[in-house]
Protein backbone atom coordinates (compact mmCIF):
# COMPACT_ATOMS: atom_id res chain seq x y z
CA UNK A 1 -0.02 0.00 -0.09
CA UNK A 2 1.12 3.62 -0.74
CA UNK A 3 -0.41 4.94 2.56
CA UNK A 4 0.53 3.09 5.92
CA UNK A 5 -0.54 3.97 9.39
CA UNK A 6 1.08 2.93 12.65
CA UNK A 7 0.08 3.93 16.28
CA UNK A 8 3.06 4.09 18.63
CA UNK A 9 1.57 6.46 21.12
CA UNK A 10 1.35 3.86 23.89
CA UNK A 11 4.73 2.20 23.10
CA UNK A 12 7.75 2.41 25.25
CA UNK A 13 10.98 4.07 23.76
CA UNK A 14 9.02 5.88 21.25
CA UNK A 15 11.82 8.02 20.11
CA UNK A 16 13.97 5.04 19.14
CA UNK A 17 10.94 3.24 17.57
CA UNK A 18 10.23 6.37 15.48
CA UNK A 19 13.78 6.46 14.29
CA UNK A 20 13.51 2.82 13.12
CA UNK A 21 10.26 3.46 11.26
CA UNK A 22 11.97 6.44 9.49
CA UNK A 23 14.84 4.21 8.50
CA UNK A 24 12.40 1.62 7.15
CA UNK A 25 10.63 4.06 4.89
CA UNK A 26 13.49 6.20 3.59
CA UNK A 27 15.64 3.21 2.79
CA UNK A 28 12.78 1.38 1.08
CA UNK A 29 13.85 0.10 -2.50
CA UNK A 30 10.88 0.44 -4.80
CA UNK A 31 10.04 -2.64 -6.95
CA UNK A 32 8.48 -0.76 -9.98
CA UNK A 33 6.93 -4.00 -11.30
CA UNK A 34 4.70 -4.34 -8.19
CA UNK A 35 4.37 -0.85 -6.61
CA UNK A 36 4.17 2.81 -7.46
CA UNK A 37 7.27 4.98 -6.81
CA UNK A 38 6.07 6.87 -3.74
CA UNK A 39 5.04 5.91 -0.28
CA UNK A 40 3.43 7.72 2.79
CA UNK A 41 3.50 6.55 6.34
CA UNK A 42 1.46 8.33 9.08
CA UNK A 43 2.70 7.58 12.54
CA UNK A 44 0.63 8.48 15.68
CA UNK A 45 3.19 9.60 18.19
CA UNK A 46 0.89 10.87 20.85
CA UNK A 47 -2.71 11.99 21.37
CA UNK A 48 -2.30 15.13 19.45
CA UNK A 49 1.07 14.65 17.58
CA UNK A 50 1.56 12.78 14.32
CA UNK A 51 4.51 12.15 11.97
CA UNK A 52 4.05 12.01 8.24
CA UNK A 53 6.83 10.50 6.37
CA UNK A 54 6.74 10.92 2.47
CA UNK A 55 9.14 9.20 0.14
CA UNK A 56 9.09 9.63 -3.68
CA UNK A 57 11.63 8.11 -5.98
CA UNK A 58 13.59 10.51 -8.11
CA UNK A 59 12.26 8.69 -11.31
CA UNK A 60 8.93 10.51 -10.96
CA UNK A 61 9.67 13.61 -9.08
CA UNK A 62 12.10 16.57 -8.79
CA UNK A 63 12.73 19.27 -6.16
CA UNK A 64 9.88 21.51 -7.58
CA UNK A 65 7.50 18.54 -7.31
CA UNK A 66 8.29 18.09 -3.60
CA UNK A 67 7.59 21.84 -2.98
CA UNK A 68 4.31 21.56 -4.82
CA UNK A 69 3.21 18.50 -2.93
CA UNK A 70 4.23 20.05 0.39
CA UNK A 71 2.20 23.32 -0.36
CA UNK A 72 -0.92 21.36 -1.71
CA UNK A 73 -0.92 18.90 1.15
CA UNK A 74 -0.80 21.76 3.58
CA UNK A 75 -3.72 23.64 1.86
CA UNK A 76 -5.76 20.52 1.72
CA UNK A 77 -5.14 19.71 5.41
CA UNK A 78 -6.02 23.16 6.55
CA UNK A 79 -9.25 23.27 4.46
CA UNK A 80 -10.24 19.88 5.87
CA UNK A 81 -9.41 20.96 9.42
CA UNK A 82 -11.62 23.99 8.93
CA UNK A 83 -14.47 22.12 7.06
CA UNK A 84 -13.84 24.18 3.88
CA UNK A 85 -14.08 22.94 0.24
CA UNK A 86 -11.10 21.84 -1.79
CA UNK A 87 -9.07 25.01 -2.30
CA UNK A 88 -7.02 23.65 -5.23
CA UNK A 89 -7.58 24.80 -8.74
CA UNK A 90 -8.39 22.15 -11.36
CA UNK A 91 -5.29 21.06 -13.38
CA UNK A 92 -5.49 22.42 -16.94
CA UNK A 93 -2.34 20.66 -18.18
CA UNK A 94 -1.07 17.16 -17.25
CA UNK A 95 1.99 15.07 -17.80
CA UNK A 96 0.66 13.86 -21.07
CA UNK A 97 0.67 17.46 -22.25
CA UNK A 98 4.27 18.02 -21.12
CA UNK A 99 5.34 14.74 -22.91
CA UNK A 100 3.58 15.89 -26.22
CA UNK A 101 5.48 19.20 -25.95
CA UNK A 102 8.81 17.35 -25.00
CA UNK A 103 8.61 14.83 -28.02
CA UNK A 104 9.15 17.62 -30.67
CA UNK A 105 12.77 17.73 -29.54
CA UNK A 106 13.33 14.19 -30.78
CA UNK A 107 11.90 14.78 -34.23
CA UNK A 108 12.82 16.66 -37.55
CA UNK A 109 14.97 19.78 -37.35
CA UNK A 110 15.03 19.83 -33.50
CA UNK A 111 16.65 16.37 -33.38
CA UNK A 112 19.31 17.44 -36.10
CA UNK A 113 20.23 20.62 -34.18
CA UNK A 114 20.51 18.88 -30.87
CA UNK A 115 22.69 15.98 -32.17
CA UNK A 116 24.91 18.44 -34.06
CA UNK A 117 25.40 20.40 -30.76
CA UNK A 118 26.38 17.35 -28.67
CA UNK A 119 28.61 15.91 -31.36
CA UNK A 120 30.62 19.15 -31.43
CA UNK A 121 30.52 19.45 -27.65
CA UNK A 122 32.09 16.02 -27.01
CA UNK A 123 34.41 15.73 -30.01
CA UNK A 124 37.68 15.90 -28.14
CA UNK A 125 36.44 15.23 -24.64
CA UNK A 126 38.77 12.80 -22.81
CA UNK A 127 37.41 9.71 -20.86
CA UNK A 128 38.61 10.85 -17.37
CA UNK A 129 39.63 13.83 -15.57
CA UNK A 130 43.48 13.92 -15.21
CA UNK A 131 44.02 15.35 -11.57
CA UNK A 132 47.42 16.67 -11.01
CA UNK A 133 49.37 14.35 -8.60
CA UNK A 134 49.75 17.04 -5.85
CA UNK A 135 45.89 17.27 -5.69
CA UNK A 136 45.05 13.62 -6.23
CA UNK A 137 47.49 12.11 -3.80
CA UNK A 138 47.79 9.13 -6.06
CA UNK A 139 50.94 7.57 -7.47
CA UNK A 140 50.61 6.82 -11.19
CA UNK A 141 49.19 3.33 -11.97
CA UNK A 142 47.73 2.99 -8.39
CA UNK A 143 45.09 0.38 -8.54
CA UNK A 144 41.57 1.21 -7.35
CA UNK A 145 41.52 -1.75 -4.93
CA UNK A 146 44.69 -0.68 -3.31
CA UNK A 147 43.27 2.85 -2.89
CA UNK A 148 40.09 1.87 -1.38
CA UNK A 149 41.14 -0.83 0.99
CA UNK A 150 38.61 -1.02 3.91
CA UNK A 151 37.50 2.59 3.62
CA UNK A 152 34.11 1.54 2.30
CA UNK A 153 33.33 0.05 5.52
CA UNK A 154 34.39 3.12 7.59
CA UNK A 155 31.09 4.86 7.66
CA UNK A 156 30.42 8.32 9.33
CA UNK A 157 27.37 10.47 9.30
CA UNK A 158 27.68 14.31 9.14
CA UNK A 159 25.29 16.34 11.46
CA UNK A 160 23.52 17.91 8.60
CA UNK A 161 22.44 14.60 7.27
CA UNK A 162 21.88 12.97 10.68
CA UNK A 163 18.88 15.32 11.17
CA UNK A 164 16.94 12.90 9.11
CA UNK A 165 17.25 10.38 11.90
CA UNK A 166 19.00 7.74 9.83
CA UNK A 167 20.90 5.10 11.83
CA UNK A 168 24.34 3.94 10.91
CA UNK A 169 22.70 0.69 9.57
CA UNK A 170 20.44 2.65 7.32
CA UNK A 171 23.24 4.76 5.96
CA UNK A 172 25.26 1.72 5.37
CA UNK A 173 22.48 0.22 3.28
CA UNK A 174 22.26 3.39 1.19
CA UNK A 175 25.99 3.63 0.50
CA UNK A 176 26.85 -0.06 0.24
CA UNK A 177 29.66 -0.81 -2.21
CA UNK A 178 30.21 3.03 -2.67
CA UNK A 179 32.86 4.25 -5.15
CA UNK A 180 32.98 7.78 -3.92
CA UNK A 181 32.77 10.19 -1.02
CA UNK A 182 31.07 13.44 -0.18
CA UNK A 183 32.87 16.32 1.48
CA UNK A 184 30.76 19.10 2.92
CA UNK A 185 32.00 22.65 3.38
CA UNK A 186 30.64 26.24 3.60
CA UNK A 187 31.38 29.46 1.90
CA UNK A 188 30.89 32.69 4.09
CA UNK A 189 28.24 35.29 3.53
CA UNK A 190 30.89 37.95 2.74
CA UNK A 191 32.36 35.84 -0.16
CA UNK A 192 28.72 35.25 -1.46
CA UNK A 193 27.90 38.97 -1.44
CA UNK A 194 31.16 39.84 -3.24
CA UNK A 195 30.43 37.36 -5.94
CA UNK A 196 26.85 38.53 -6.22
CA UNK A 197 28.09 42.06 -6.65
CA UNK A 198 30.49 40.91 -9.40
CA UNK A 199 27.53 39.19 -11.27
CA UNK A 200 25.48 42.44 -11.01
CA UNK A 201 28.41 44.55 -12.23
CA UNK A 202 28.75 42.26 -15.32
CA UNK A 203 24.91 42.11 -15.80
CA UNK A 204 24.93 38.29 -15.62
CA UNK A 205 23.74 35.54 -13.34
CA UNK A 206 25.42 34.30 -10.22
CA UNK A 207 25.52 30.83 -12.00
CA UNK A 208 27.59 32.23 -14.90
CA UNK A 209 30.17 33.58 -12.49
CA UNK A 210 30.37 30.14 -10.79
CA UNK A 211 30.63 28.37 -14.06
CA UNK A 212 33.58 30.43 -14.84
CA UNK A 213 35.26 30.04 -11.45
CA UNK A 214 34.53 26.35 -11.54
CA UNK A 215 36.41 26.17 -14.83
CA UNK A 216 39.35 28.03 -13.54
CA UNK A 217 39.34 25.76 -10.48
CA UNK A 218 39.54 22.60 -12.72
CA UNK A 219 42.23 24.24 -14.79
CA UNK A 220 44.23 24.48 -11.62
CA UNK A 221 43.63 20.94 -10.26
CA UNK A 222 43.78 19.03 -13.45
CA UNK A 223 46.06 18.68 -16.50
CA UNK A 224 43.38 20.16 -18.94
CA UNK A 225 41.85 23.51 -19.83
CA UNK A 226 38.77 22.45 -21.78
CA UNK A 227 35.69 20.95 -19.73
CA UNK A 228 32.02 20.11 -20.32
CA UNK A 229 30.16 20.90 -17.08
CA UNK A 230 26.77 19.39 -16.65
CA UNK A 231 23.98 21.11 -14.56
CA UNK A 232 20.47 19.93 -14.00
CA UNK A 233 17.95 22.46 -15.11
CA UNK A 234 14.11 22.57 -14.65
CA UNK A 235 12.13 22.22 -17.87
CA UNK A 236 9.31 24.35 -16.62
CA UNK A 237 9.64 27.18 -18.89
CA UNK A 238 6.00 26.87 -20.02
CA UNK A 239 3.76 28.59 -17.43
CA UNK A 240 1.25 25.71 -17.75
CA UNK A 241 3.89 23.21 -16.44
CA UNK A 242 4.76 25.00 -13.19
CA UNK A 243 2.25 23.13 -11.13
CA UNK A 244 2.92 19.66 -12.43
CA UNK A 245 4.37 16.95 -10.29
CA UNK A 246 6.92 14.80 -12.14
CA UNK A 247 10.55 14.52 -13.31
CA UNK A 248 10.62 17.79 -15.44
CA UNK A 249 14.41 18.11 -15.36
CA UNK A 250 16.90 18.20 -18.15
CA UNK A 251 20.74 18.49 -18.51
CA UNK A 252 22.36 21.70 -19.47
CA UNK A 253 25.89 20.86 -20.71
CA UNK A 254 28.14 23.95 -20.80
CA UNK A 255 31.60 23.98 -22.59
CA UNK A 256 34.26 25.93 -20.76
CA UNK A 257 37.73 26.72 -22.09
CA UNK A 258 40.24 28.38 -19.76
CA UNK A 259 43.16 30.58 -21.06
CA UNK A 260 45.28 31.76 -18.18
CA UNK A 261 46.29 34.85 -20.03
CA UNK A 262 42.61 35.95 -20.40
CA UNK A 263 40.68 38.34 -18.11
CA UNK A 264 38.13 36.82 -15.74
CA UNK A 265 35.32 39.06 -17.00
CA UNK A 266 35.92 37.81 -20.53
CA UNK A 267 35.54 34.19 -19.46
CA UNK A 268 32.30 35.13 -17.48
CA UNK A 269 30.73 36.97 -20.42
CA UNK A 270 31.64 34.22 -23.00
CA UNK A 271 30.18 31.75 -20.65
CA UNK A 272 27.06 33.57 -20.39
CA UNK A 273 26.46 33.21 -24.20
CA UNK A 274 27.41 29.35 -24.00
CA UNK A 275 24.82 28.91 -21.09
CA UNK A 276 22.17 30.62 -23.33
CA UNK A 277 22.98 28.15 -26.09
CA UNK A 278 23.23 25.05 -23.80
CA UNK A 279 19.81 25.95 -22.49
CA UNK A 280 18.31 25.51 -26.05
CA UNK A 281 19.41 21.94 -26.03
CA UNK A 282 18.48 21.02 -22.46
CA UNK A 283 15.32 19.32 -23.42
CA UNK A 284 17.24 16.73 -25.36
CA UNK A 285 18.93 13.81 -23.69
CA UNK A 286 22.04 12.82 -25.74
CA UNK A 287 23.03 9.36 -26.57
CA UNK A 288 24.53 7.41 -23.80
CA UNK A 289 27.94 7.33 -25.61
CA UNK A 290 28.12 11.06 -25.01
CA UNK A 291 26.71 11.02 -21.46
CA UNK A 292 29.35 8.52 -20.40
CA UNK A 293 32.00 11.28 -21.24
CA UNK A 294 30.65 13.63 -18.70
CA UNK A 295 33.14 14.16 -15.99
CA UNK A 296 31.72 16.82 -13.69
CA UNK A 297 28.55 18.32 -12.58
CA UNK A 298 27.70 21.76 -11.03
CA UNK A 299 24.34 21.59 -9.36
CA UNK A 300 23.13 25.09 -8.28
CA UNK A 301 20.12 25.41 -5.83
CA UNK A 302 18.65 28.65 -4.33
CA UNK A 303 17.30 28.43 -0.78
CA UNK A 304 17.91 31.92 0.26
CA UNK A 305 14.82 32.10 2.48
CA UNK A 306 16.68 30.45 5.33
CA UNK A 307 19.93 30.37 7.11
CA UNK A 308 22.71 27.88 6.30
CA UNK A 309 22.63 24.83 8.59
CA UNK A 310 25.70 24.17 10.63
CA UNK A 311 27.85 21.10 9.62
CA UNK A 312 28.44 19.15 12.76
CA UNK A 313 30.80 16.12 13.51
CA UNK A 314 32.60 14.79 10.38
CA UNK A 315 32.04 16.64 7.11
CA UNK A 316 32.74 13.56 5.04
CA UNK A 317 30.76 10.31 4.21
CA UNK A 318 30.68 7.62 1.59
CA UNK A 319 28.29 7.50 -1.26
CA UNK A 320 27.97 6.20 -4.88
CA UNK A 321 29.13 8.72 -7.49
CA UNK A 322 28.47 8.88 -11.28
CA UNK A 323 30.73 11.89 -11.99
CA UNK A 324 34.38 12.08 -11.26
CA UNK A 325 33.96 15.37 -9.51
CA UNK A 326 30.87 17.41 -8.68
CA UNK A 327 29.84 20.37 -6.61
CA UNK A 328 26.17 20.71 -5.30
CA UNK A 329 25.97 24.38 -4.19
CA UNK A 330 23.04 25.63 -2.17
CA UNK A 331 22.74 29.37 -1.85
CA UNK A 332 21.30 30.45 1.56
CA UNK A 333 20.68 34.03 2.78
CA UNK A 334 23.86 34.00 4.85
CA UNK A 335 26.33 32.03 2.78
CA UNK A 336 26.59 28.87 0.60
CA UNK A 337 26.72 25.19 1.60
CA UNK A 338 28.63 22.90 -0.77
CA UNK A 339 28.55 19.12 -1.07
CA UNK A 340 31.66 17.94 -3.05
CA UNK A 341 31.17 14.58 -4.54
CA UNK A 342 34.30 12.86 -5.90
CA UNK A 343 35.59 9.54 -7.29
CA UNK A 344 37.85 7.89 -4.78
CA UNK A 345 39.74 6.19 -7.59
CA UNK A 346 41.12 9.55 -8.81
CA UNK A 347 41.41 11.56 -5.53
CA UNK A 348 42.43 10.42 -2.03
CA UNK A 349 40.08 11.24 0.71
CA UNK A 350 43.11 12.97 2.55
CA UNK A 351 43.43 15.49 -0.28
CA UNK A 352 39.89 16.65 -0.77
CA UNK A 353 39.82 19.37 1.91
CA UNK A 354 42.89 21.12 0.37
CA UNK A 355 41.15 20.82 -3.05
CA UNK A 356 37.97 22.55 -1.73
CA UNK A 357 40.08 25.11 0.10
CA UNK A 358 41.57 25.90 -3.32
CA UNK A 359 38.19 26.57 -4.83
CA UNK A 360 37.19 28.87 -1.89
CA UNK A 361 40.46 30.90 -2.45
CA UNK A 362 39.82 31.27 -6.15
CA UNK A 363 36.18 32.34 -5.54
CA UNK A 364 37.40 34.89 -2.89
CA UNK A 365 39.88 36.45 -5.35
CA UNK A 366 37.28 36.50 -8.09
CA UNK A 367 34.78 38.36 -5.80
CA UNK A 368 37.47 40.83 -4.68
CA UNK A 369 38.39 41.74 -8.28
CA UNK A 370 36.93 44.98 -9.77
CA UNK A 371 34.39 44.00 -12.41
CA UNK A 372 36.41 40.92 -13.13
CA UNK A 373 39.42 42.89 -14.34
CA UNK A 374 41.96 40.31 -13.18
CA UNK A 375 44.14 37.89 -15.20
CA UNK A 376 42.85 34.23 -14.71
CA UNK A 377 46.48 33.12 -13.87
CA UNK A 378 46.43 35.45 -10.94
CA UNK A 379 43.46 33.87 -9.41
CA UNK A 380 44.94 30.50 -8.82
CA UNK A 381 48.46 31.50 -7.89
């Protein structure tokens, strides 16, 4: 069943029991042949206190979907509590309408343009990121098995994620046989403000500045200067699709070429044009032979309505990774929180803090520059 109910109000050790029930729901592996990809569990904790746990598989929902569900469930609950009629407006457009609109990108001239874009994008893309030895910490030819050793069994839970009440056993189930790690760090409010001011001065987006800085950062830690950076992007440009619940997300793949003799502002402004072009192809998912060449992702999330949470305990934990190196950046009103995901076969865990500190240093220098009038080589020295 998609909706489960359990009364623990008269049970002993309710807090521990609740944690176990949360573990059970959030680590549930959906069998798509026999069940739908979402699950609710309502737990009666006391006479007037209930806990509602809701899990949706990423295959049918994105972040926007979760916000829609939270808002609409809240509206329905308040209306029911006050004996009022259904407050939600009828749905004018559904997923079928979105699919019909989406399919045009896989036909005719749209398909030709998308394929030509991605063929050019990945023409000379190497298979793996070549991290400089001083940053990777790896000797040449070091085998993955020797690198990992027993580290996959050394599980730690950072405070920010422990708030979800997951036990070590539950986390081990979620990260079993992991090939990567996640390192959490923060960027101060002052740095955020300076970078926002730089974006305003250059009349571009904060994301465009970060794409440029991210490319400069990669130019510093790798042997390359040309990159394709993948970013998830919402495909809700049509006003009619804003209220749809579903996986309405595409990939925006932006090429970045770093020349150390150029000015920062030139890289940012050229990147702005490349972002606009990449957006035009975000509805199309390229063939898997191209996707497998992707090495890095930059996920940019705005949550500036609340303060940045404090990272407690250890800032690193094991996980499964698809990309060699990725940043998931959340912008809060008082700074930024970053989850750095990396492949342990190319970077040692002991090196990741120094790598992320390098990114912060480059970002600080970029934010302190006057309208980006600084040589790229000077940002990483």
